[in-house]
N, C-alpha and C. Protein backbone atom coordinates (compact mmCIF):
# COMPACT_ATOMS: atom_id res chain seq x y z
N UNK A 1 0.85 -1.17 0.00
CA UNK A 1 0.00 0.00 0.00
C UNK A 1 0.89 1.23 0.00
N UNK A 2 0.61 2.17 -0.84
CA UNK A 2 1.40 3.40 -0.95
C UNK A 2 0.69 4.53 -0.23
N UNK A 3 1.47 5.41 0.32
CA UNK A 3 0.93 6.60 0.98
C UNK A 3 1.56 7.83 0.34
N UNK A 4 0.91 8.95 0.53
CA UNK A 4 1.39 10.21 -0.01
C UNK A 4 1.62 11.18 1.14
N UNK A 5 2.62 12.02 0.97
CA UNK A 5 2.84 13.04 1.99
C UNK A 5 3.48 14.26 1.35
N UNK A 6 3.22 15.40 1.92
CA UNK A 6 3.91 16.64 1.57
C UNK A 6 4.07 17.38 2.87
N UNK A 7 5.19 17.99 3.10
CA UNK A 7 5.52 18.47 4.42
C UNK A 7 4.83 19.76 4.85
N UNK A 8 4.41 20.63 3.92
CA UNK A 8 3.92 21.94 4.36
C UNK A 8 2.44 21.95 4.66
N UNK A 9 1.65 21.91 3.64
CA UNK A 9 0.21 22.07 3.80
C UNK A 9 -0.47 21.29 2.69
N UNK A 10 -1.57 20.64 3.01
CA UNK A 10 -2.29 19.90 1.98
C UNK A 10 -2.82 20.85 0.92
N UNK A 11 -3.06 20.35 -0.30
CA UNK A 11 -3.55 21.23 -1.37
C UNK A 11 -4.83 21.97 -1.01
N UNK A 12 -5.75 21.32 -0.31
CA UNK A 12 -6.98 21.99 0.11
C UNK A 12 -6.73 23.11 1.10
N UNK A 13 -5.62 23.02 1.82
CA UNK A 13 -5.27 24.06 2.78
C UNK A 13 -4.92 25.38 2.11
N UNK A 14 -4.32 25.32 0.94
CA UNK A 14 -4.00 26.55 0.22
C UNK A 14 -5.25 27.22 -0.30
N UNK A 15 -6.26 26.44 -0.68
CA UNK A 15 -7.53 27.02 -1.10
C UNK A 15 -8.18 27.73 0.07
N UNK A 16 -8.15 27.13 1.25
CA UNK A 16 -8.68 27.78 2.45
C UNK A 16 -7.90 29.03 2.80
N UNK A 17 -6.58 28.96 2.64
CA UNK A 17 -5.74 30.12 2.92
C UNK A 17 -6.08 31.27 1.97
N UNK A 18 -6.36 30.94 0.70
CA UNK A 18 -6.80 31.96 -0.25
C UNK A 18 -8.13 32.57 0.15
N UNK A 19 -9.03 31.75 0.68
CA UNK A 19 -10.31 32.26 1.19
C UNK A 19 -10.13 33.19 2.36
N UNK A 20 -9.19 32.87 3.22
CA UNK A 20 -8.89 33.76 4.36
C UNK A 20 -8.35 35.09 3.87
N UNK A 21 -7.47 35.06 2.86
CA UNK A 21 -6.96 36.31 2.27
C UNK A 21 -8.07 37.14 1.65
N UNK A 22 -9.03 36.47 0.98
CA UNK A 22 -10.16 37.18 0.38
C UNK A 22 -11.03 37.84 1.44
N UNK A 23 -11.25 37.16 2.54
CA UNK A 23 -12.03 37.75 3.64
C UNK A 23 -11.27 38.93 4.25
N UNK A 24 -9.95 38.81 4.34
CA UNK A 24 -9.15 39.92 4.87
C UNK A 24 -9.28 41.16 3.98
N UNK A 25 -9.28 40.96 2.66
CA UNK A 25 -9.46 42.09 1.73
C UNK A 25 -10.87 42.66 1.88
N UNK A 26 -11.84 41.76 2.08
CA UNK A 26 -13.22 42.19 2.26
C UNK A 26 -13.37 43.13 3.46
N UNK A 27 -12.66 42.82 4.54
CA UNK A 27 -12.73 43.68 5.73
C UNK A 27 -11.80 44.89 5.64
N UNK A 28 -10.71 44.76 4.90
CA UNK A 28 -9.76 45.86 4.82
C UNK A 28 -10.22 46.98 3.90
N UNK A 29 -11.02 46.64 2.89
CA UNK A 29 -11.43 47.66 1.91
C UNK A 29 -12.23 48.80 2.55
N UNK A 30 -13.27 48.54 3.35
CA UNK A 30 -13.98 49.69 3.96
C UNK A 30 -13.11 50.50 4.92
N UNK A 31 -12.19 49.82 5.60
CA UNK A 31 -11.30 50.54 6.50
C UNK A 31 -10.38 51.48 5.72
N UNK A 32 -9.82 50.97 4.62
CA UNK A 32 -8.95 51.82 3.80
C UNK A 32 -9.75 52.95 3.14
N UNK A 33 -10.97 52.66 2.76
CA UNK A 33 -11.82 53.69 2.15
C UNK A 33 -12.13 54.80 3.16
N UNK A 34 -12.40 54.39 4.41
CA UNK A 34 -12.69 55.37 5.46
C UNK A 34 -11.46 56.21 5.79
N UNK A 35 -10.28 55.65 5.63
CA UNK A 35 -9.06 56.40 5.90
C UNK A 35 -8.62 57.26 4.72
N UNK A 36 -9.33 57.16 3.60
CA UNK A 36 -9.01 58.00 2.45
C UNK A 36 -7.89 57.44 1.59
N UNK A 37 -7.66 56.16 1.64
CA UNK A 37 -6.58 55.56 0.87
C UNK A 37 -6.87 55.53 -0.63
N UNK A 38 -8.13 55.68 -1.01
CA UNK A 38 -8.50 55.61 -2.42
C UNK A 38 -8.72 56.99 -3.02
N UNK A 39 -8.16 58.01 -2.40
CA UNK A 39 -8.28 59.40 -2.85
C UNK A 39 -9.67 59.93 -2.49
N UNK A 40 -9.84 61.22 -2.60
CA UNK A 40 -11.10 61.84 -2.21
C UNK A 40 -11.72 62.55 -3.41
N UNK A 41 -12.08 61.77 -4.42
CA UNK A 41 -12.69 62.35 -5.60
C UNK A 41 -13.97 61.63 -5.96
N UNK A 42 -14.41 61.82 -7.19
CA UNK A 42 -15.63 61.17 -7.63
C UNK A 42 -15.42 59.67 -7.84
N UNK A 43 -14.21 59.26 -8.11
CA UNK A 43 -13.91 57.86 -8.39
C UNK A 43 -13.55 57.05 -7.14
N UNK A 44 -13.80 57.58 -5.96
CA UNK A 44 -13.40 56.90 -4.73
C UNK A 44 -14.08 55.54 -4.60
N UNK A 45 -15.40 55.51 -4.79
CA UNK A 45 -16.14 54.26 -4.66
C UNK A 45 -15.73 53.26 -5.74
N UNK A 46 -15.49 53.75 -6.92
CA UNK A 46 -15.09 52.90 -8.03
C UNK A 46 -13.73 52.25 -7.76
N UNK A 47 -12.79 53.03 -7.25
CA UNK A 47 -11.47 52.50 -6.91
C UNK A 47 -11.54 51.50 -5.77
N UNK A 48 -12.38 51.78 -4.79
CA UNK A 48 -12.53 50.85 -3.67
C UNK A 48 -13.13 49.53 -4.13
N UNK A 49 -14.12 49.58 -5.02
CA UNK A 49 -14.72 48.34 -5.51
C UNK A 49 -13.75 47.56 -6.39
N UNK A 50 -12.98 48.26 -7.20
CA UNK A 50 -11.97 47.58 -8.01
C UNK A 50 -10.94 46.91 -7.11
N UNK A 51 -10.50 47.61 -6.07
CA UNK A 51 -9.57 47.03 -5.12
C UNK A 51 -10.17 45.80 -4.44
N UNK A 52 -11.42 45.90 -4.04
CA UNK A 52 -12.11 44.80 -3.35
C UNK A 52 -12.18 43.57 -4.24
N UNK A 53 -12.73 43.71 -5.42
CA UNK A 53 -12.92 42.56 -6.29
C UNK A 53 -11.60 42.01 -6.82
N UNK A 54 -10.67 42.88 -7.13
CA UNK A 54 -9.37 42.41 -7.60
C UNK A 54 -8.63 41.67 -6.48
N UNK A 55 -8.70 42.17 -5.27
CA UNK A 55 -8.04 41.50 -4.15
C UNK A 55 -8.66 40.16 -3.83
N UNK A 56 -10.00 40.10 -3.85
CA UNK A 56 -10.66 38.83 -3.58
C UNK A 56 -10.34 37.81 -4.68
N UNK A 57 -10.41 38.25 -5.93
CA UNK A 57 -10.11 37.37 -7.05
C UNK A 57 -8.66 36.88 -6.98
N UNK A 58 -7.75 37.77 -6.62
CA UNK A 58 -6.34 37.40 -6.52
C UNK A 58 -6.12 36.32 -5.47
N UNK A 59 -6.64 36.53 -4.26
CA UNK A 59 -6.40 35.58 -3.18
C UNK A 59 -7.08 34.23 -3.43
N UNK A 60 -8.31 34.24 -3.88
CA UNK A 60 -9.00 32.97 -4.14
C UNK A 60 -8.32 32.25 -5.30
N UNK A 61 -8.02 32.97 -6.38
CA UNK A 61 -7.36 32.34 -7.52
C UNK A 61 -5.97 31.82 -7.18
N UNK A 62 -5.20 32.59 -6.44
CA UNK A 62 -3.86 32.17 -6.06
C UNK A 62 -3.91 30.94 -5.16
N UNK A 63 -4.82 30.93 -4.20
CA UNK A 63 -4.95 29.77 -3.32
C UNK A 63 -5.34 28.52 -4.07
N UNK A 64 -6.27 28.64 -5.01
CA UNK A 64 -6.71 27.50 -5.79
C UNK A 64 -5.59 26.99 -6.70
N UNK A 65 -4.93 27.90 -7.42
CA UNK A 65 -3.88 27.50 -8.35
C UNK A 65 -2.68 26.93 -7.61
N UNK A 66 -2.32 27.52 -6.50
CA UNK A 66 -1.17 27.03 -5.74
C UNK A 66 -1.46 25.64 -5.20
N UNK A 67 -2.68 25.42 -4.69
CA UNK A 67 -3.06 24.08 -4.22
C UNK A 67 -3.03 23.06 -5.34
N UNK A 68 -3.48 23.46 -6.53
CA UNK A 68 -3.45 22.57 -7.69
C UNK A 68 -2.02 22.25 -8.09
N UNK A 69 -1.15 23.25 -8.06
CA UNK A 69 0.25 23.04 -8.45
C UNK A 69 0.98 22.16 -7.44
N UNK A 70 0.66 22.29 -6.17
CA UNK A 70 1.31 21.50 -5.14
C UNK A 70 1.03 20.02 -5.32
N UNK A 71 -0.12 19.67 -5.86
CA UNK A 71 -0.43 18.25 -6.07
C UNK A 71 0.58 17.59 -6.99
N UNK A 72 1.18 18.34 -7.87
CA UNK A 72 2.21 17.79 -8.74
C UNK A 72 3.52 17.50 -8.03
N UNK A 73 3.71 18.05 -6.84
CA UNK A 73 4.94 17.85 -6.09
C UNK A 73 4.78 16.90 -4.91
N UNK A 74 3.65 16.25 -4.84
CA UNK A 74 3.44 15.32 -3.73
C UNK A 74 4.37 14.12 -3.89
N UNK A 75 4.83 13.60 -2.79
CA UNK A 75 5.80 12.52 -2.79
C UNK A 75 5.09 11.22 -2.49
N UNK A 76 5.33 10.22 -3.33
CA UNK A 76 4.73 8.92 -3.09
C UNK A 76 5.71 8.08 -2.29
N UNK A 77 5.25 7.60 -1.14
CA UNK A 77 6.08 6.76 -0.30
C UNK A 77 5.69 5.31 -0.54
N UNK A 78 6.68 4.45 -0.75
CA UNK A 78 6.42 3.04 -0.97
C UNK A 78 6.67 2.27 0.31
N UNK A 79 5.90 1.19 0.48
CA UNK A 79 6.20 0.27 1.55
C UNK A 79 7.48 -0.46 1.18
N UNK A 80 8.13 -1.03 2.17
CA UNK A 80 9.40 -1.68 1.92
C UNK A 80 9.24 -2.86 0.96
N UNK A 81 8.10 -3.54 0.99
CA UNK A 81 7.87 -4.68 0.10
C UNK A 81 7.76 -4.24 -1.35
N UNK A 82 7.31 -3.02 -1.61
CA UNK A 82 7.14 -2.51 -2.97
C UNK A 82 8.40 -1.87 -3.51
N UNK A 83 9.45 -1.81 -2.73
CA UNK A 83 10.66 -1.11 -3.12
C UNK A 83 11.39 -1.87 -4.23
N UNK A 84 11.75 -1.19 -5.30
CA UNK A 84 12.44 -1.81 -6.42
C UNK A 84 13.95 -1.82 -6.24
N UNK A 85 14.47 -1.09 -5.26
CA UNK A 85 15.91 -0.95 -5.11
C UNK A 85 16.56 -2.18 -4.48
N UNK A 86 15.85 -2.90 -3.68
CA UNK A 86 16.43 -4.04 -2.99
C UNK A 86 15.48 -5.22 -2.99
N UNK A 87 15.94 -6.34 -2.48
CA UNK A 87 15.07 -7.51 -2.45
C UNK A 87 13.93 -7.32 -1.45
N UNK A 88 12.84 -7.95 -1.75
CA UNK A 88 11.68 -7.85 -0.86
C UNK A 88 11.90 -8.76 0.34
N UNK A 89 11.61 -8.27 1.51
CA UNK A 89 11.72 -9.05 2.74
C UNK A 89 10.33 -9.45 3.18
N UNK A 90 10.18 -10.72 3.46
CA UNK A 90 8.89 -11.21 3.93
C UNK A 90 8.91 -11.23 5.45
N UNK A 91 7.76 -10.99 6.06
CA UNK A 91 7.73 -11.01 7.52
C UNK A 91 8.01 -12.41 8.05
N UNK A 92 8.69 -12.47 9.18
CA UNK A 92 9.01 -13.76 9.80
C UNK A 92 7.73 -14.38 10.34
N UNK A 93 7.60 -15.68 10.16
CA UNK A 93 6.41 -16.37 10.63
C UNK A 93 6.45 -17.81 10.16
N UNK A 94 5.36 -18.54 10.41
CA UNK A 94 5.35 -19.93 9.98
C UNK A 94 5.41 -20.03 8.46
N UNK A 95 6.04 -21.11 7.98
CA UNK A 95 6.20 -21.30 6.54
C UNK A 95 4.88 -21.61 5.86
N UNK A 96 3.95 -22.21 6.57
CA UNK A 96 2.65 -22.54 6.00
C UNK A 96 1.56 -22.12 6.97
N UNK A 97 0.41 -21.86 6.44
CA UNK A 97 -0.72 -21.44 7.28
C UNK A 97 -1.38 -22.66 7.90
N UNK A 98 -1.84 -22.56 9.14
CA UNK A 98 -2.53 -23.70 9.76
C UNK A 98 -3.86 -23.95 9.06
N UNK A 99 -4.30 -25.19 9.02
CA UNK A 99 -5.56 -25.50 8.34
C UNK A 99 -6.73 -24.84 9.04
N UNK A 100 -7.70 -24.43 8.23
CA UNK A 100 -8.90 -23.82 8.80
C UNK A 100 -9.75 -24.90 9.42
N UNK A 101 -10.35 -24.62 10.52
CA UNK A 101 -11.22 -25.59 11.19
C UNK A 101 -11.12 -25.38 12.68
N UNK A 102 -11.24 -26.47 13.41
CA UNK A 102 -11.22 -26.39 14.86
C UNK A 102 -9.82 -26.01 15.33
N UNK A 103 -9.72 -25.17 16.34
CA UNK A 103 -8.40 -24.79 16.85
C UNK A 103 -7.74 -25.99 17.54
N UNK A 104 -6.43 -26.00 17.48
CA UNK A 104 -5.65 -27.06 18.11
C UNK A 104 -5.65 -26.89 19.61
N UNK A 105 -5.99 -27.96 20.32
CA UNK A 105 -5.98 -27.92 21.80
C UNK A 105 -4.87 -28.82 22.30
N UNK A 106 -4.03 -28.30 23.17
CA UNK A 106 -2.95 -29.12 23.71
C UNK A 106 -3.52 -30.28 24.53
N UNK A 107 -2.93 -31.45 24.37
CA UNK A 107 -3.32 -32.61 25.16
C UNK A 107 -4.40 -33.44 24.51
N UNK A 108 -4.91 -33.08 23.38
CA UNK A 108 -5.92 -33.87 22.69
C UNK A 108 -5.43 -34.41 21.42
C-alpha cells in the first residue's frame, strides 16, 4: 500500500488560505476607504470596488492554483515490500498457514 505526503500544507489548505486572504481584503477595503486611501474624488467608490474585487479574485485564484500546483509535487512513499531498489523481505512467521477448522488444543 502506498501513501502520499507533503511536508507543508495539503492542497486543500491553500484554497482555504486563499479564502482567508479574500475575507481579509473584504474587511480591509472599507477601513482603507474610510481612511481615504483611495483618494477623495468622484472615483473613490469605483477605486474601492476595483480594489475589493481584484483583491478577492487574486487571493481565491492564487490559493486554488497554488493548491493545484502543489499536487504535482506530492511525494509517493512506498512500503518496503514494494521497493524496487532491494530484495523484498517477507515477515518472519510460519512457513505454512494452519488448516482452517477447529483450533488445536494441547493434550488432545
